[in-house]
């Protein structure tokens, strides 16, 4: 299956989605799995806050929330991306906005693949994987 991208009350549009979907599928293959039902939903601060409150009992905006429905073979899930927070983070960390969007998409996929970021060691491993897979996109097209 091919990842699907949706937009919930935001003007943002990803662009060059075919290339990004190919990278997401490649990440999943390189991690030894297959793409199943995978949905990326871009939403604003209000939408991500509502999801965070309802499902995680957190009262703040965030850049990504992942719901994992995967099995041993297929990566299935919903990845909600708070595009307003991603934009703010790209400015705070002085990175290209498109690269930060891709990083968050890959981050969500890595969660579906069983990676976590609760400890410093897990965060380091996750960041290394994100960097590795972002490089795949840079090899295709300049961000």
C-alpha atoms as a PDB file:
ATOM      1  CA  UNK A   1       0.000   0.000   0.000  1.00  0.00           C
ATOM      2  CA  UNK A   2       1.021   3.607  -0.450  1.00  0.00           C
ATOM      3  CA  UNK A   3       0.913   6.112   2.432  1.00  0.00           C
ATOM      4  CA  UNK A   4      -2.008   8.518   2.216  1.00  0.00           C
ATOM      5  CA  UNK A   5      -1.898  12.213   3.105  1.00  0.00           C
ATOM      6  CA  UNK A   6      -4.836  14.271   4.382  1.00  0.00           C
ATOM      7  CA  UNK A   7      -5.283  17.852   5.529  1.00  0.00           C
ATOM      8  CA  UNK A   8      -7.574  18.897   8.372  1.00  0.00           C
ATOM      9  CA  UNK A   9      -8.426  22.617   8.434  1.00  0.00           C
ATOM     10  CA  UNK A  10      -4.998  23.843   7.298  1.00  0.00           C
ATOM     11  CA  UNK A  11      -3.869  25.780   4.241  1.00  0.00           C
ATOM     12  CA  UNK A  12      -0.560  23.903   4.198  1.00  0.00           C
ATOM     13  CA  UNK A  13       0.026  21.458   1.336  1.00  0.00           C
ATOM     14  CA  UNK A  14       3.060  19.204   1.269  1.00  0.00           C
ATOM     15  CA  UNK A  15       3.964  19.250  -2.430  1.00  0.00           C
ATOM     16  CA  UNK A  16       6.167  16.664  -4.170  1.00  0.00           C
ATOM     17  CA  UNK A  17       4.225  14.016  -2.273  1.00  0.00           C
ATOM     18  CA  UNK A  18       5.298  11.218  -4.587  1.00  0.00           C
ATOM     19  CA  UNK A  19       8.954  11.642  -3.585  1.00  0.00           C
ATOM     20  CA  UNK A  20       8.086  11.818   0.100  1.00  0.00           C
ATOM     21  CA  UNK A  21       5.841   8.766  -0.069  1.00  0.00           C
ATOM     22  CA  UNK A  22       8.677   6.868  -1.756  1.00  0.00           C
ATOM     23  CA  UNK A  23      11.055   7.840   1.053  1.00  0.00           C
ATOM     24  CA  UNK A  24       8.526   6.770   3.703  1.00  0.00           C
ATOM     25  CA  UNK A  25       8.070   3.416   1.958  1.00  0.00           C
ATOM     26  CA  UNK A  26      11.840   3.005   1.686  1.00  0.00           C
ATOM     27  CA  UNK A  27      12.290   3.723   5.412  1.00  0.00           C
ATOM     28  CA  UNK A  28       9.772   0.992   6.179  1.00  0.00           C
ATOM     29  CA  UNK A  29      11.440  -1.482   3.786  1.00  0.00           C
ATOM     30  CA  UNK A  30      14.922  -0.736   5.152  1.00  0.00           C
ATOM     31  CA  UNK A  31      13.567  -1.492   8.621  1.00  0.00           C
ATOM     32  CA  UNK A  32      12.378  -4.896   7.395  1.00  0.00           C
ATOM     33  CA  UNK A  33       8.647  -4.239   7.209  1.00  0.00           C
ATOM     34  CA  UNK A  34       5.971  -3.504   4.600  1.00  0.00           C
ATOM     35  CA  UNK A  35       3.715  -0.492   4.252  1.00  0.00           C
ATOM     36  CA  UNK A  36       0.151  -1.245   5.247  1.00  0.00           C
ATOM     37  CA  UNK A  37      -2.609   1.263   5.941  1.00  0.00           C
ATOM     38  CA  UNK A  38      -0.613   4.389   6.749  1.00  0.00           C
ATOM     39  CA  UNK A  39      -2.228   7.809   7.029  1.00  0.00           C
ATOM     40  CA  UNK A  40      -0.601  11.205   7.580  1.00  0.00           C
ATOM     41  CA  UNK A  41      -3.039  13.881   8.730  1.00  0.00           C
ATOM     42  CA  UNK A  42      -1.790  17.461   8.804  1.00  0.00           C
ATOM     43  CA  UNK A  43      -3.687  19.655  11.236  1.00  0.00           C
ATOM     44  CA  UNK A  44      -3.275  22.958  13.051  1.00  0.00           C
ATOM     45  CA  UNK A  45      -2.656  23.751  16.714  1.00  0.00           C
ATOM     46  CA  UNK A  46      -6.344  23.481  17.556  1.00  0.00           C
ATOM     47  CA  UNK A  47      -6.702  20.038  15.960  1.00  0.00           C
ATOM     48  CA  UNK A  48      -3.550  18.576  17.492  1.00  0.00           C
ATOM     49  CA  UNK A  49      -4.473  20.020  20.915  1.00  0.00           C
ATOM     50  CA  UNK A  50      -7.903  18.387  20.708  1.00  0.00           C
ATOM     51  CA  UNK A  51      -6.347  14.994  19.872  1.00  0.00           C
ATOM     52  CA  UNK A  52      -3.738  15.397  22.610  1.00  0.00           C
ATOM     53  CA  UNK A  53      -6.406  16.198  25.205  1.00  0.00           C
ATOM     54  CA  UNK A  54      -8.850  13.486  24.148  1.00  0.00           C
ATOM     55  CA  UNK A  55      -6.477  10.563  23.695  1.00  0.00           C
ATOM     56  CA  UNK A  56      -3.385  11.353  25.767  1.00  0.00           C
ATOM     57  CA  UNK A  57      -4.706  13.675  28.495  1.00  0.00           C
ATOM     58  CA  UNK A  58      -2.064  16.278  27.565  1.00  0.00           C
ATOM     59  CA  UNK A  59      -3.022  19.933  27.480  1.00  0.00           C
ATOM     60  CA  UNK A  60      -0.553  21.278  24.928  1.00  0.00           C
ATOM     61  CA  UNK A  61       0.197  21.408  21.219  1.00  0.00           C
ATOM     62  CA  UNK A  62       2.808  19.066  19.791  1.00  0.00           C
ATOM     63  CA  UNK A  63       4.366  18.292  16.444  1.00  0.00           C
ATOM     64  CA  UNK A  64       3.333  14.642  16.080  1.00  0.00           C
ATOM     65  CA  UNK A  65       0.935  12.126  17.603  1.00  0.00           C
ATOM     66  CA  UNK A  66       1.036   8.531  16.409  1.00  0.00           C
ATOM     67  CA  UNK A  67      -1.626   5.849  16.671  1.00  0.00           C
ATOM     68  CA  UNK A  68      -0.137   2.432  16.002  1.00  0.00           C
ATOM     69  CA  UNK A  69      -2.202  -0.355  14.455  1.00  0.00           C
ATOM     70  CA  UNK A  70       0.778  -2.300  13.095  1.00  0.00           C
ATOM     71  CA  UNK A  71       1.352  -6.011  13.156  1.00  0.00           C
ATOM     72  CA  UNK A  72       4.555  -8.001  12.809  1.00  0.00           C
ATOM     73  CA  UNK A  73       4.650  -7.610   9.033  1.00  0.00           C
ATOM     74  CA  UNK A  74       2.799  -4.419   8.110  1.00  0.00           C
ATOM     75  CA  UNK A  75       3.167  -0.856   9.346  1.00  0.00           C
ATOM     76  CA  UNK A  76      -0.339   0.484   9.920  1.00  0.00           C
ATOM     77  CA  UNK A  77      -1.247   3.665  11.691  1.00  0.00           C
ATOM     78  CA  UNK A  78      -2.334   7.268  11.798  1.00  0.00           C
ATOM     79  CA  UNK A  79       0.245  10.003  12.173  1.00  0.00           C
ATOM     80  CA  UNK A  80      -1.190  13.397  13.091  1.00  0.00           C
ATOM     81  CA  UNK A  81       1.171  16.265  12.409  1.00  0.00           C
ATOM     82  CA  UNK A  82       0.695  19.628  14.111  1.00  0.00           C
ATOM     83  CA  UNK A  83       1.911  21.755  11.245  1.00  0.00           C
ATOM     84  CA  UNK A  84       1.839  25.013  13.252  1.00  0.00           C
ATOM     85  CA  UNK A  85       4.176  23.499  15.840  1.00  0.00           C
ATOM     86  CA  UNK A  86       6.404  22.073  13.102  1.00  0.00           C
ATOM     87  CA  UNK A  87       6.672  25.590  11.627  1.00  0.00           C
ATOM     88  CA  UNK A  88       7.578  27.067  15.024  1.00  0.00           C
ATOM     89  CA  UNK A  89      10.171  24.346  15.614  1.00  0.00           C
ATOM     90  CA  UNK A  90      11.767  24.934  12.211  1.00  0.00           C
ATOM     91  CA  UNK A  91      12.246  28.580  13.214  1.00  0.00           C
ATOM     92  CA  UNK A  92      13.503  27.765  16.728  1.00  0.00           C
ATOM     93  CA  UNK A  93      16.050  25.233  15.447  1.00  0.00           C
ATOM     94  CA  UNK A  94      16.889  27.199  12.281  1.00  0.00           C
ATOM     95  CA  UNK A  95      16.115  24.380   9.882  1.00  0.00           C
ATOM     96  CA  UNK A  96      14.334  24.436   6.558  1.00  0.00           C
ATOM     97  CA  UNK A  97      10.596  24.042   7.136  1.00  0.00           C
ATOM     98  CA  UNK A  98      10.245  21.248   4.570  1.00  0.00           C
ATOM     99  CA  UNK A  99      13.057  19.320   6.228  1.00  0.00           C
ATOM    100  CA  UNK A 100      11.371  19.658   9.613  1.00  0.00           C
ATOM    101  CA  UNK A 101       8.099  18.372   8.099  1.00  0.00           C
ATOM    102  CA  UNK A 102       9.928  15.363   6.679  1.00  0.00           C
ATOM    103  CA  UNK A 103      11.719  14.757   9.997  1.00  0.00           C
ATOM    104  CA  UNK A 104       8.401  14.681  11.862  1.00  0.00           C
ATOM    105  CA  UNK A 105       6.882  12.327   9.277  1.00  0.00           C
ATOM    106  CA  UNK A 106       9.855   9.981   9.620  1.00  0.00           C
ATOM    107  CA  UNK A 107       9.722  10.326  13.409  1.00  0.00           C
ATOM    108  CA  UNK A 108       6.109   9.155  13.408  1.00  0.00           C
ATOM    109  CA  UNK A 109       6.966   6.209  11.165  1.00  0.00           C
ATOM    110  CA  UNK A 110       9.859   5.251  13.450  1.00  0.00           C
ATOM    111  CA  UNK A 111       7.392   5.111  16.354  1.00  0.00           C
ATOM    112  CA  UNK A 112       5.244   2.735  14.306  1.00  0.00           C
ATOM    113  CA  UNK A 113       8.368   0.651  13.691  1.00  0.00           C
ATOM    114  CA  UNK A 114       8.909   0.267  17.427  1.00  0.00           C
ATOM    115  CA  UNK A 115      11.367   3.062  18.201  1.00  0.00           C
ATOM    116  CA  UNK A 116      10.837   5.254  21.251  1.00  0.00           C
ATOM    117  CA  UNK A 117      12.248   8.506  22.546  1.00  0.00           C
ATOM    118  CA  UNK A 118      11.662   8.420  26.296  1.00  0.00           C
ATOM    119  CA  UNK A 119      15.329   8.159  27.340  1.00  0.00           C
ATOM    120  CA  UNK A 120      18.406  10.056  26.179  1.00  0.00           C
ATOM    121  CA  UNK A 121      19.725   6.903  24.489  1.00  0.00           C
ATOM    122  CA  UNK A 122      16.422   6.335  22.668  1.00  0.00           C
ATOM    123  CA  UNK A 123      16.334   9.992  21.593  1.00  0.00           C
ATOM    124  CA  UNK A 124      19.885   9.718  20.230  1.00  0.00           C
ATOM    125  CA  UNK A 125      19.031   6.561  18.277  1.00  0.00           C
ATOM    126  CA  UNK A 126      15.832   8.123  16.904  1.00  0.00           C
ATOM    127  CA  UNK A 127      17.693  11.291  15.824  1.00  0.00           C
ATOM    128  CA  UNK A 128      20.386   9.227  14.069  1.00  0.00           C
ATOM    129  CA  UNK A 129      17.722   7.289  12.159  1.00  0.00           C
ATOM    130  CA  UNK A 130      15.879  10.502  11.242  1.00  0.00           C
ATOM    131  CA  UNK A 131      19.112  12.037   9.927  1.00  0.00           C
ATOM    132  CA  UNK A 132      19.940   8.897   7.950  1.00  0.00           C
ATOM    133  CA  UNK A 133      16.532   8.773   6.299  1.00  0.00           C
ATOM    134  CA  UNK A 134      16.344  12.523   5.608  1.00  0.00           C
ATOM    135  CA  UNK A 135      19.576  12.077   3.671  1.00  0.00           C
ATOM    136  CA  UNK A 136      17.714   9.689   1.357  1.00  0.00           C
ATOM    137  CA  UNK A 137      15.449  12.568   0.393  1.00  0.00           C
ATOM    138  CA  UNK A 138      18.343  14.976  -0.053  1.00  0.00           C
ATOM    139  CA  UNK A 139      19.826  12.478  -2.459  1.00  0.00           C
ATOM    140  CA  UNK A 140      16.642  12.704  -4.570  1.00  0.00           C
ATOM    141  CA  UNK A 141      15.848  16.381  -4.343  1.00  0.00           C
ATOM    142  CA  UNK A 142      17.142  19.468  -2.626  1.00  0.00           C
ATOM    143  CA  UNK A 143      14.988  20.384   0.344  1.00  0.00           C
END
